[in-house]
Amino acid sequence: MQEELVRLPHFLSVKDLTIDQVLALIHRAEEFKKGIADFRLQAPVYAVNMFFENSTRTHSSFEMAEQLLGIKTIPFVPQASSINKGETLYDTLLTLSAIGCDLSIIRHSDNEYYNQLINLKGNQSLNMGIINAGDGSGQHPSQCMLDMLTIYEEFGHFDDLKIAIIGDLTNSRVARSDMQILKRLGATLYFSGPKSWFSEEFSNYGEYKDVDELVENVDVIMLLRVQHERHVEGEDDNFDPQKYHEIYGINQKRYDKMQDQAIIMHPGPINRNVELATELVEAPKSRFVQQMHNGVFARMAMIEAVLRGRQLGGLN
């Protein structure tokens, strides 16, 4: 029986997805990747990419996904927008909706910024789908979906996979999104990195272990970037990149101890020789480049789900 395609009004958080929807999105992304997805726009669709934080992978990947789906994009530069005149994010989107934008892909520094856009009573004119491209340290649903696609391609399942998430847990929206879905998919989770970045929030999903114990026993090592830009003042005063790499990073010695089937993942950008030795970024067990490639197809599946959910464009 053919799997039912996902339909969503917005794509804001992986917490909103059922497991059936997650698996359907993975399979749909695979179809886009193989070029066998039956997809056609019957009317023009317009999207605006609003990135209030710096981005290379996510921003360009969404743009490529939009191009491949035949969606037209409206340029938007936050520094040149009326937000710098005091206009609210809602009123900016109200303008874009009024001129005909159907979708907005937003990255913002505020956690759950989208609540101010979709929960305002009495506002009926914001007629557009919103896709969350990352909110503060909250959620990163598109990175989560491309990570799930990459793991599924590798192993064909999630049940009983041992997955270690290592690094700047406190500030990582990737860690939060991925752990929430992986736990529900049946994976066994472990965490590592500086103990000060591990809290009860993460202990609800898995236990803390030393890096050297994990590298020999897990199927997936998911490294997280040290996000200095999110650290409080003074937190980095004693940060030593070389020492961090020695204690928590994946170097050649640790790489050689990994199981044959094990893989390394990283959401990027990589701090070379901090989380991962530079000579291992494109090593045989690294899936960093594959993750970036898969990002286009995972985001195509996400965009299509919102287009279908909003009955935009008369899709087949």
C-alpha atoms as a PDB file:
ATOM      1  CA  MET A   1       0.000   0.000   0.000  1.00  0.00           C
ATOM      2  CA  GLN A   2       1.340   3.421  -0.939  1.00  0.00           C
ATOM      3  CA  GLU A   3       2.460   5.537   2.023  1.00  0.00           C
ATOM      4  CA  GLU A   4       0.302   8.595   2.611  1.00  0.00           C
ATOM      5  CA  LEU A   5       2.106  11.875   2.040  1.00  0.00           C
ATOM      6  CA  VAL A   6       2.489  14.199   5.000  1.00  0.00           C
ATOM      7  CA  ARG A   7       0.359  17.348   5.151  1.00  0.00           C
ATOM      8  CA  LEU A   8       1.158  20.090   7.668  1.00  0.00           C
ATOM      9  CA  PRO A   9       0.043  23.730   8.041  1.00  0.00           C
ATOM     10  CA  HIS A  10       3.518  24.675   9.328  1.00  0.00           C
ATOM     11  CA  PHE A  11       6.769  22.837  10.114  1.00  0.00           C
ATOM     12  CA  LEU A  12       7.888  24.205  13.475  1.00  0.00           C
ATOM     13  CA  SER A  13       9.132  21.446  15.778  1.00  0.00           C
ATOM     14  CA  VAL A  14       9.798  17.725  15.580  1.00  0.00           C
ATOM     15  CA  LYS A  15       7.732  17.413  18.760  1.00  0.00           C
ATOM     16  CA  ASP A  16       4.669  18.021  16.558  1.00  0.00           C
ATOM     17  CA  LEU A  17       5.363  14.984  14.352  1.00  0.00           C
ATOM     18  CA  THR A  18       4.126  11.440  14.763  1.00  0.00           C
ATOM     19  CA  ILE A  19       6.574   8.607  14.139  1.00  0.00           C
ATOM     20  CA  ASP A  20       4.586   7.641  11.034  1.00  0.00           C
ATOM     21  CA  GLN A  21       5.068  11.194   9.732  1.00  0.00           C
ATOM     22  CA  VAL A  22       8.803  11.094  10.436  1.00  0.00           C
ATOM     23  CA  LEU A  23       9.199   7.841   8.526  1.00  0.00           C
ATOM     24  CA  ALA A  24       6.990   9.091   5.677  1.00  0.00           C
ATOM     25  CA  LEU A  25       9.124  12.236   5.359  1.00  0.00           C
ATOM     26  CA  ILE A  26      12.301  10.123   5.281  1.00  0.00           C
ATOM     27  CA  HIS A  27      10.872   7.923   2.533  1.00  0.00           C
ATOM     28  CA  ARG A  28       9.669  10.973   0.594  1.00  0.00           C
ATOM     29  CA  ALA A  29      13.133  12.542   0.844  1.00  0.00           C
ATOM     30  CA  GLU A  30      14.580   9.304  -0.541  1.00  0.00           C
ATOM     31  CA  GLU A  31      12.210   9.560  -3.489  1.00  0.00           C
ATOM     32  CA  PHE A  32      13.318  13.132  -4.163  1.00  0.00           C
ATOM     33  CA  LYS A  33      16.934  12.024  -3.948  1.00  0.00           C
ATOM     34  CA  LYS A  34      16.335   9.203  -6.433  1.00  0.00           C
ATOM     35  CA  GLY A  35      14.380  11.515  -8.759  1.00  0.00           C
ATOM     36  CA  ILE A  36      11.221   9.400  -8.611  1.00  0.00           C
ATOM     37  CA  ALA A  37       8.950  11.705  -6.585  1.00  0.00           C
ATOM     38  CA  ASP A  38       5.717  12.607  -8.365  1.00  0.00           C
ATOM     39  CA  PHE A  39       5.575  16.329  -7.753  1.00  0.00           C
ATOM     40  CA  ARG A  40       4.270  19.217  -9.832  1.00  0.00           C
ATOM     41  CA  LEU A  41       3.148  22.762  -9.065  1.00  0.00           C
ATOM     42  CA  GLN A  42       0.033  23.790 -10.961  1.00  0.00           C
ATOM     43  CA  ALA A  43       0.279  27.439  -9.925  1.00  0.00           C
ATOM     44  CA  PRO A  44       3.189  29.689  -8.874  1.00  0.00           C
ATOM     45  CA  VAL A  45       4.328  29.461  -5.260  1.00  0.00           C
ATOM     46  CA  TYR A  46       6.469  32.180  -3.662  1.00  0.00           C
ATOM     47  CA  ALA A  47       8.773  31.753  -0.676  1.00  0.00           C
ATOM     48  CA  VAL A  48      10.867  34.115   1.425  1.00  0.00           C
ATOM     49  CA  ASN A  49      13.949  32.984   3.360  1.00  0.00           C
ATOM     50  CA  MET A  50      14.361  35.082   6.501  1.00  0.00           C
ATOM     51  CA  PHE A  51      17.629  34.308   8.279  1.00  0.00           C
ATOM     52  CA  PHE A  52      18.280  36.523  11.279  1.00  0.00           C
ATOM     53  CA  GLU A  53      21.307  34.410  12.233  1.00  0.00           C
ATOM     54  CA  ASN A  54      24.250  33.515  10.027  1.00  0.00           C
ATOM     55  CA  SER A  55      23.875  30.342   8.009  1.00  0.00           C
ATOM     56  CA  THR A  56      25.524  28.600   5.075  1.00  0.00           C
ATOM     57  CA  ARG A  57      24.229  25.008   4.964  1.00  0.00           C
ATOM     58  CA  THR A  58      20.623  25.562   6.040  1.00  0.00           C
ATOM     59  CA  HIS A  59      20.078  28.751   4.036  1.00  0.00           C
ATOM     60  CA  SER A  60      21.594  27.531   0.773  1.00  0.00           C
ATOM     61  CA  SER A  61      20.013  24.090   1.182  1.00  0.00           C
ATOM     62  CA  PHE A  62      16.523  25.571   1.509  1.00  0.00           C
ATOM     63  CA  GLU A  63      17.185  27.761  -1.533  1.00  0.00           C
ATOM     64  CA  MET A  64      18.274  24.754  -3.570  1.00  0.00           C
ATOM     65  CA  ALA A  65      15.230  22.771  -2.396  1.00  0.00           C
ATOM     66  CA  GLU A  66      12.957  25.616  -3.452  1.00  0.00           C
ATOM     67  CA  GLN A  67      14.608  25.851  -6.859  1.00  0.00           C
ATOM     68  CA  LEU A  68      14.254  22.109  -7.451  1.00  0.00           C
ATOM     69  CA  LEU A  69      10.573  22.263  -6.498  1.00  0.00           C
ATOM     70  CA  GLY A  70       9.950  25.142  -8.899  1.00  0.00           C
ATOM     71  CA  ILE A  71       9.230  27.664  -6.138  1.00  0.00           C
ATOM     72  CA  LYS A  72      10.079  31.311  -6.739  1.00  0.00           C
ATOM     73  CA  THR A  73      11.979  33.067  -3.956  1.00  0.00           C
ATOM     74  CA  ILE A  74      11.622  36.674  -2.848  1.00  0.00           C
ATOM     75  CA  PRO A  75      14.917  38.247  -1.682  1.00  0.00           C
ATOM     76  CA  PHE A  76      15.044  39.301   1.958  1.00  0.00           C
ATOM     77  CA  VAL A  77      17.970  40.894   3.802  1.00  0.00           C
ATOM     78  CA  PRO A  78      17.273  41.368   7.543  1.00  0.00           C
ATOM     79  CA  GLN A  79      19.770  44.219   7.850  1.00  0.00           C
ATOM     80  CA  ALA A  80      17.908  46.172   5.156  1.00  0.00           C
ATOM     81  CA  SER A  81      14.383  45.418   6.359  1.00  0.00           C
ATOM     82  CA  SER A  82      11.960  47.559   8.348  1.00  0.00           C
ATOM     83  CA  ILE A  83      12.620  45.372  11.384  1.00  0.00           C
ATOM     84  CA  ASN A  84      15.558  47.713  11.945  1.00  0.00           C
ATOM     85  CA  LYS A  85      13.001  50.525  12.171  1.00  0.00           C
ATOM     86  CA  GLY A  86      11.163  48.736  14.949  1.00  0.00           C
ATOM     87  CA  GLU A  87       8.679  46.735  12.888  1.00  0.00           C
ATOM     88  CA  THR A  88       7.642  43.469  14.522  1.00  0.00           C
ATOM     89  CA  LEU A  89       8.370  40.124  12.901  1.00  0.00           C
ATOM     90  CA  TYR A  90       4.631  39.536  12.606  1.00  0.00           C
ATOM     91  CA  ASP A  91       4.067  42.823  10.751  1.00  0.00           C
ATOM     92  CA  THR A  92       6.964  42.058   8.405  1.00  0.00           C
ATOM     93  CA  LEU A  93       5.346  38.720   7.578  1.00  0.00           C
ATOM     94  CA  LEU A  94       1.963  40.415   7.278  1.00  0.00           C
ATOM     95  CA  THR A  95       3.474  42.601   4.536  1.00  0.00           C
ATOM     96  CA  LEU A  96       5.028  39.646   2.749  1.00  0.00           C
ATOM     97  CA  SER A  97       1.760  37.711   2.964  1.00  0.00           C
ATOM     98  CA  ALA A  98      -0.146  40.681   1.558  1.00  0.00           C
ATOM     99  CA  ILE A  99       2.103  40.893  -1.502  1.00  0.00           C
ATOM    100  CA  GLY A 100       1.671  37.192  -2.227  1.00  0.00           C
ATOM    101  CA  CYS A 101       4.298  35.138  -0.368  1.00  0.00           C
ATOM    102  CA  ASP A 102       3.047  31.644   0.407  1.00  0.00           C
ATOM    103  CA  LEU A 103       5.906  30.338   2.557  1.00  0.00           C
ATOM    104  CA  SER A 104       8.383  31.828   4.991  1.00  0.00           C
ATOM    105  CA  ILE A 105      11.474  29.928   6.094  1.00  0.00           C
ATOM    106  CA  ILE A 106      12.747  31.592   9.264  1.00  0.00           C
ATOM    107  CA  ARG A 107      15.851  31.283  11.437  1.00  0.00           C
ATOM    108  CA  HIS A 108      15.703  33.421  14.568  1.00  0.00           C
ATOM    109  CA  SER A 109      17.705  33.791  17.774  1.00  0.00           C
ATOM    110  CA  ASP A 110      14.589  33.654  19.987  1.00  0.00           C
ATOM    111  CA  ASN A 111      13.398  30.254  21.168  1.00  0.00           C
ATOM    112  CA  GLU A 112       9.896  29.484  19.863  1.00  0.00           C
ATOM    113  CA  TYR A 113       9.702  32.777  17.971  1.00  0.00           C
ATOM    114  CA  TYR A 114       6.951  31.196  15.887  1.00  0.00           C
ATOM    115  CA  ASN A 115       4.440  31.260  18.737  1.00  0.00           C
ATOM    116  CA  GLN A 116       4.031  35.011  18.256  1.00  0.00           C
ATOM    117  CA  LEU A 117       3.158  34.397  14.606  1.00  0.00           C
ATOM    118  CA  ILE A 118       0.603  31.599  14.757  1.00  0.00           C
ATOM    119  CA  ASN A 119      -1.100  32.110  18.132  1.00  0.00           C
ATOM    120  CA  LEU A 120      -2.267  35.717  17.832  1.00  0.00           C
ATOM    121  CA  LYS A 121      -6.045  35.763  18.241  1.00  0.00           C
ATOM    122  CA  GLY A 122      -7.962  37.880  15.806  1.00  0.00           C
ATOM    123  CA  ASN A 123      -5.221  38.059  13.183  1.00  0.00           C
ATOM    124  CA  GLN A 124      -6.582  36.424  10.061  1.00  0.00           C
ATOM    125  CA  SER A 125      -4.416  37.990   7.364  1.00  0.00           C
ATOM    126  CA  LEU A 126      -1.163  36.061   7.875  1.00  0.00           C
ATOM    127  CA  ASN A 127      -1.949  33.460   5.264  1.00  0.00           C
ATOM    128  CA  MET A 128       1.381  31.695   4.824  1.00  0.00           C
ATOM    129  CA  GLY A 129       3.120  28.530   5.904  1.00  0.00           C
ATOM    130  CA  ILE A 130       6.038  28.892   8.314  1.00  0.00           C
ATOM    131  CA  ILE A 131       9.010  26.526   8.318  1.00  0.00           C
ATOM    132  CA  ASN A 132      11.369  26.762  11.255  1.00  0.00           C
ATOM    133  CA  ALA A 133      15.000  26.868  10.109  1.00  0.00           C
ATOM    134  CA  GLY A 134      16.220  27.061  13.710  1.00  0.00           C
ATOM    135  CA  ASP A 135      15.046  28.915  16.805  1.00  0.00           C
ATOM    136  CA  GLY A 136      17.707  29.932  19.328  1.00  0.00           C
ATOM    137  CA  SER A 137      18.748  26.880  21.312  1.00  0.00           C
ATOM    138  CA  GLY A 138      15.298  25.330  20.871  1.00  0.00           C
ATOM    139  CA  GLN A 139      14.625  23.314  17.709  1.00  0.00           C
ATOM    140  CA  HIS A 140      16.264  22.606  14.355  1.00  0.00           C
ATOM    141  CA  PRO A 141      13.707  20.392  12.604  1.00  0.00           C
ATOM    142  CA  SER A 142      15.273  20.425   9.144  1.00  0.00           C
ATOM    143  CA  GLN A 143      18.687  19.377  10.487  1.00  0.00           C
ATOM    144  CA  CYS A 144      16.921  16.671  12.450  1.00  0.00           C
ATOM    145  CA  MET A 145      15.188  15.348   9.335  1.00  0.00           C
ATOM    146  CA  LEU A 146      18.385  15.241   7.283  1.00  0.00           C
ATOM    147  CA  ASP A 147      20.125  13.495  10.180  1.00  0.00           C
ATOM    148  CA  MET A 148      17.340  10.893  10.333  1.00  0.00           C
ATOM    149  CA  LEU A 149      17.610  10.410   6.570  1.00  0.00           C
ATOM    150  CA  THR A 150      21.377   9.915   6.818  1.00  0.00           C
ATOM    151  CA  ILE A 151      21.100   7.374   9.640  1.00  0.00           C
ATOM    152  CA  TYR A 152      18.270   5.514   7.894  1.00  0.00           C
ATOM    153  CA  GLU A 153      20.265   5.293   4.651  1.00  0.00           C
ATOM    154  CA  GLU A 154      23.148   3.810   6.603  1.00  0.00           C
ATOM    155  CA  PHE A 155      21.361   1.264   8.770  1.00  0.00           C
ATOM    156  CA  GLY A 156      17.829   0.899   7.380  1.00  0.00           C
ATOM    157  CA  HIS A 157      16.317   1.192  10.861  1.00  0.00           C
ATOM    158  CA  PHE A 158      16.593   2.990  14.228  1.00  0.00           C
ATOM    159  CA  ASP A 159      15.612   0.274  16.702  1.00  0.00           C
ATOM    160  CA  ASP A 160      18.391  -0.436  19.212  1.00  0.00           C
ATOM    161  CA  LEU A 161      20.962   1.713  17.426  1.00  0.00           C
ATOM    162  CA  LYS A 162      23.449   3.143  19.919  1.00  0.00           C
ATOM    163  CA  ILE A 163      23.919   6.844  19.287  1.00  0.00           C
ATOM    164  CA  ALA A 164      26.247   9.214  21.143  1.00  0.00           C
ATOM    165  CA  ILE A 165      25.663  12.971  21.065  1.00  0.00           C
ATOM    166  CA  ILE A 166      28.862  14.730  22.132  1.00  0.00           C
ATOM    167  CA  GLY A 167      29.645  18.390  22.689  1.00  0.00           C
ATOM    168  CA  ASP A 168      27.923  21.665  23.529  1.00  0.00           C
ATOM    169  CA  LEU A 169      24.615  20.118  24.580  1.00  0.00           C
ATOM    170  CA  THR A 170      23.202  23.109  26.455  1.00  0.00           C
ATOM    171  CA  ASN A 171      23.292  25.397  23.426  1.00  0.00           C
ATOM    172  CA  SER A 172      22.431  22.848  20.741  1.00  0.00           C
ATOM    173  CA  ARG A 173      19.031  22.910  19.038  1.00  0.00           C
ATOM    174  CA  VAL A 174      20.305  19.950  16.984  1.00  0.00           C
ATOM    175  CA  ALA A 175      20.799  17.868  20.133  1.00  0.00           C
ATOM    176  CA  ARG A 176      17.278  18.650  21.337  1.00  0.00           C
ATOM    177  CA  SER A 177      15.541  17.895  18.049  1.00  0.00           C
ATOM    178  CA  ASP A 178      17.538  14.744  17.354  1.00  0.00           C
ATOM    179  CA  MET A 179      17.262  13.238  20.831  1.00  0.00           C
ATOM    180  CA  GLN A 180      13.490  13.761  20.900  1.00  0.00           C
ATOM    181  CA  ILE A 181      12.963  11.898  17.633  1.00  0.00           C
ATOM    182  CA  LEU A 182      15.659   9.229  18.085  1.00  0.00           C
ATOM    183  CA  LYS A 183      14.287   8.179  21.464  1.00  0.00           C
ATOM    184  CA  ARG A 184      10.816   7.747  19.969  1.00  0.00           C
ATOM    185  CA  LEU A 185      12.266   5.821  17.029  1.00  0.00           C
ATOM    186  CA  GLY A 186      13.788   3.257  19.395  1.00  0.00           C
ATOM    187  CA  ALA A 187      17.446   4.279  19.493  1.00  0.00           C
ATOM    188  CA  THR A 188      19.521   4.122  22.685  1.00  0.00           C
ATOM    189  CA  LEU A 189      21.087   7.504  23.411  1.00  0.00           C
ATOM    190  CA  TYR A 190      24.249   8.511  25.219  1.00  0.00           C
ATOM    191  CA  PHE A 191      25.748  11.927  25.855  1.00  0.00           C
ATOM    192  CA  SER A 192      29.234  13.244  26.460  1.00  0.00           C
ATOM    193  CA  GLY A 193      31.251  16.441  26.502  1.00  0.00           C
ATOM    194  CA  PRO A 194      31.967  18.833  29.376  1.00  0.00           C
ATOM    195  CA  LYS A 195      29.829  17.787  32.360  1.00  0.00           C
ATOM    196  CA  SER A 196      28.733  21.414  32.844  1.00  0.00           C
ATOM    197  CA  TRP A 197      26.845  21.156  29.518  1.00  0.00           C
ATOM    198  CA  PHE A 198      24.920  18.024  30.592  1.00  0.00           C
ATOM    199  CA  SER A 199      21.739  18.577  32.595  1.00  0.00           C
ATOM    200  CA  GLU A 200      18.618  16.737  33.714  1.00  0.00           C
ATOM    201  CA  GLU A 201      17.002  17.700  30.414  1.00  0.00           C
ATOM    202  CA  PHE A 202      19.359  15.311  28.634  1.00  0.00           C
ATOM    203  CA  SER A 203      19.376  12.623  31.345  1.00  0.00           C
ATOM    204  CA  ASN A 204      15.694  12.089  30.534  1.00  0.00           C
ATOM    205  CA  TYR A 205      16.792  10.783  27.137  1.00  0.00           C
ATOM    206  CA  GLY A 206      20.059   8.984  27.837  1.00  0.00           C
ATOM    207  CA  GLU A 207      23.014   8.627  30.175  1.00  0.00           C
ATOM    208  CA  TYR A 208      26.336  10.440  30.279  1.00  0.00           C
ATOM    209  CA  LYS A 209      29.494   8.460  29.498  1.00  0.00           C
ATOM    210  CA  ASP A 210      33.140   9.243  28.789  1.00  0.00           C
ATOM    211  CA  VAL A 211      34.041   9.705  25.143  1.00  0.00           C
ATOM    212  CA  ASP A 212      36.586   6.886  25.136  1.00  0.00           C
ATOM    213  CA  GLU A 213      33.972   4.414  26.351  1.00  0.00           C
ATOM    214  CA  LEU A 214      31.489   5.520  23.718  1.00  0.00           C
ATOM    215  CA  VAL A 215      33.701   5.449  20.613  1.00  0.00           C
ATOM    216  CA  GLU A 216      34.225   1.702  20.959  1.00  0.00           C
ATOM    217  CA  ASN A 217      30.570   0.814  21.452  1.00  0.00           C
ATOM    218  CA  VAL A 218      28.200   3.071  19.513  1.00  0.00           C
ATOM    219  CA  ASP A 219      26.901   2.985  15.948  1.00  0.00           C
ATOM    220  CA  VAL A 220      26.704   6.752  15.480  1.00  0.00           C
ATOM    221  CA  ILE A 221      28.933   9.469  16.936  1.00  0.00           C
ATOM    222  CA  MET A 222      27.090  12.758  16.546  1.00  0.00           C
ATOM    223  CA  LEU A 223      29.437  15.650  17.270  1.00  0.00           C
ATOM    224  CA  LEU A 224      28.188  19.126  18.168  1.00  0.00           C
ATOM    225  CA  ARG A 225      29.916  22.425  17.464  1.00  0.00           C
ATOM    226  CA  VAL A 226      31.126  24.420  20.437  1.00  0.00           C
ATOM    227  CA  GLN A 227      28.836  27.452  20.074  1.00  0.00           C
ATOM    228  CA  HIS A 228      30.890  30.273  21.528  1.00  0.00           C
ATOM    229  CA  GLU A 229      28.376  32.851  20.284  1.00  0.00           C
ATOM    230  CA  ARG A 230      25.739  31.466  22.675  1.00  0.00           C
ATOM    231  CA  HIS A 231      27.953  31.277  25.745  1.00  0.00           C
ATOM    232  CA  VAL A 232      27.461  33.746  28.572  1.00  0.00           C
ATOM    233  CA  GLU A 233      30.093  36.390  29.160  1.00  0.00           C
ATOM    234  CA  GLY A 234      33.194  34.905  30.758  1.00  0.00           C
ATOM    235  CA  GLU A 235      32.287  31.284  29.966  1.00  0.00           C
ATOM    236  CA  ASP A 236      35.001  31.013  27.322  1.00  0.00           C
ATOM    237  CA  ASP A 237      37.741  32.762  29.278  1.00  0.00           C
ATOM    238  CA  ASN A 238      39.507  29.477  29.993  1.00  0.00           C
ATOM    239  CA  PHE A 239      38.438  27.579  26.884  1.00  0.00           C
ATOM    240  CA  ASP A 240      41.400  25.755  25.334  1.00  0.00           C
ATOM    241  CA  PRO A 241      40.625  24.301  21.857  1.00  0.00           C
ATOM    242  CA  GLN A 242      43.543  21.866  22.007  1.00  0.00           C
ATOM    243  CA  LYS A 243      42.581  20.589  25.440  1.00  0.00           C
ATOM    244  CA  TYR A 244      38.931  20.214  24.381  1.00  0.00           C
ATOM    245  CA  HIS A 245      40.045  18.170  21.378  1.00  0.00           C
ATOM    246  CA  GLU A 246      42.224  15.928  23.530  1.00  0.00           C
ATOM    247  CA  ILE A 247      39.448  15.218  26.041  1.00  0.00           C
ATOM    248  CA  TYR A 248      36.258  15.248  23.936  1.00  0.00           C
ATOM    249  CA  GLY A 249      37.198  15.405  20.258  1.00  0.00           C
ATOM    250  CA  ILE A 250      37.509  12.597  17.741  1.00  0.00           C
ATOM    251  CA  ASN A 251      41.138  12.160  16.754  1.00  0.00           C
ATOM    252  CA  GLN A 252      42.819   9.408  14.747  1.00  0.00           C
ATOM    253  CA  LYS A 253      43.366   7.227  17.821  1.00  0.00           C
ATOM    254  CA  ARG A 254      39.679   7.317  18.747  1.00  0.00           C
ATOM    255  CA  TYR A 255      38.621   6.933  15.111  1.00  0.00           C
ATOM    256  CA  ASP A 256      40.636   3.702  14.858  1.00  0.00           C
ATOM    257  CA  LYS A 257      38.738   2.264  17.847  1.00  0.00           C
ATOM    258  CA  MET A 258      35.319   2.771  16.262  1.00  0.00           C
ATOM    259  CA  GLN A 259      33.310  -0.281  15.234  1.00  0.00           C
ATOM    260  CA  ASP A 260      33.439  -1.226  11.557  1.00  0.00           C
ATOM    261  CA  GLN A 261      29.857  -0.120  10.882  1.00  0.00           C
ATOM    262  CA  ALA A 262      30.033   3.055  12.971  1.00  0.00           C
ATOM    263  CA  ILE A 263      29.775   6.529  11.445  1.00  0.00           C
ATOM    264  CA  ILE A 264      30.576  10.104  12.482  1.00  0.00           C
ATOM    265  CA  MET A 265      28.084  12.936  11.989  1.00  0.00           C
ATOM    266  CA  HIS A 266      28.302  16.697  12.533  1.00  0.00           C
ATOM    267  CA  PRO A 267      25.699  19.398  11.750  1.00  0.00           C
ATOM    268  CA  GLY A 268      28.382  21.904  10.777  1.00  0.00           C
ATOM    269  CA  PRO A 269      30.128  24.185  10.670  1.00  0.00           C
ATOM    270  CA  ILE A 270      32.962  22.066  12.057  1.00  0.00           C
ATOM    271  CA  ASN A 271      35.559  23.587  14.330  1.00  0.00           C
ATOM    272  CA  ARG A 272      38.427  21.607  12.844  1.00  0.00           C
ATOM    273  CA  ASN A 273      40.784  20.081  15.405  1.00  0.00           C
ATOM    274  CA  VAL A 274      38.283  20.886  18.153  1.00  0.00           C
ATOM    275  CA  GLU A 275      35.312  18.513  17.723  1.00  0.00           C
ATOM    276  CA  LEU A 276      36.913  16.576  14.876  1.00  0.00           C
ATOM    277  CA  ALA A 277      40.469  16.272  13.601  1.00  0.00           C
ATOM    278  CA  THR A 278      40.788  17.985  10.230  1.00  0.00           C
ATOM    279  CA  GLU A 279      42.084  14.834   8.512  1.00  0.00           C
ATOM    280  CA  LEU A 280      38.885  13.002   9.553  1.00  0.00           C
ATOM    281  CA  VAL A 281      36.336  15.467   8.164  1.00  0.00           C
ATOM    282  CA  GLU A 282      36.129  13.490   4.908  1.00  0.00           C
ATOM    283  CA  ALA A 283      37.340  10.137   6.259  1.00  0.00           C
ATOM    284  CA  PRO A 284      35.533   6.915   5.180  1.00  0.00           C
ATOM    285  CA  LYS A 285      33.423   6.795   8.355  1.00  0.00           C
ATOM    286  CA  SER A 286      32.487  10.472   8.237  1.00  0.00           C
ATOM    287  CA  ARG A 287      29.056  11.334   6.859  1.00  0.00           C
ATOM    288  CA  PHE A 288      29.493  15.121   7.044  1.00  0.00           C
ATOM    289  CA  VAL A 289      29.335  15.660   3.270  1.00  0.00           C
ATOM    290  CA  GLN A 290      26.473  13.172   2.876  1.00  0.00           C
ATOM    291  CA  GLN A 291      24.505  15.039   5.547  1.00  0.00           C
ATOM    292  CA  MET A 292      24.848  18.302   3.614  1.00  0.00           C
ATOM    293  CA  HIS A 293      23.808  16.562   0.389  1.00  0.00           C
ATOM    294  CA  ASN A 294      20.811  14.945   2.110  1.00  0.00           C
ATOM    295  CA  GLY A 295      19.750  18.316   3.494  1.00  0.00           C
ATOM    296  CA  VAL A 296      18.385  19.372   0.115  1.00  0.00           C
ATOM    297  CA  PHE A 297      16.087  16.349  -0.185  1.00  0.00           C
ATOM    298  CA  ALA A 298      14.953  16.379   3.448  1.00  0.00           C
ATOM    299  CA  ARG A 299      14.000  20.035   3.056  1.00  0.00           C
ATOM    300  CA  MET A 300      12.189  19.313  -0.203  1.00  0.00           C
ATOM    301  CA  ALA A 301      10.066  16.789   1.685  1.00  0.00           C
ATOM    302  CA  MET A 302       9.396  19.305   4.463  1.00  0.00           C
ATOM    303  CA  ILE A 303       8.399  22.066   2.053  1.00  0.00           C
ATOM    304  CA  GLU A 304       6.144  19.726   0.116  1.00  0.00           C
ATOM    305  CA  ALA A 305       4.417  18.676   3.351  1.00  0.00           C
ATOM    306  CA  VAL A 306       3.547  22.298   4.125  1.00  0.00           C
ATOM    307  CA  LEU A 307       2.457  23.016   0.555  1.00  0.00           C
ATOM    308  CA  ARG A 308       0.137  20.031   0.634  1.00  0.00           C
ATOM    309  CA  GLY A 309      -1.110  20.886   4.095  1.00  0.00           C
ATOM    310  CA  ARG A 310      -2.051  24.383   2.974  1.00  0.00           C
ATOM    311  CA  GLN A 311      -3.403  23.208  -0.403  1.00  0.00           C
ATOM    312  CA  LEU A 312      -1.034  25.541  -2.188  1.00  0.00           C
ATOM    313  CA  GLY A 313      -0.375  25.220  -5.874  1.00  0.00           C
ATOM    314  CA  GLY A 314      -2.715  22.318  -6.611  1.00  0.00           C
ATOM    315  CA  LEU A 315      -0.087  19.640  -6.160  1.00  0.00           C
ATOM    316  CA  ASN A 316      -0.487  16.189  -7.689  1.00  0.00           C
END
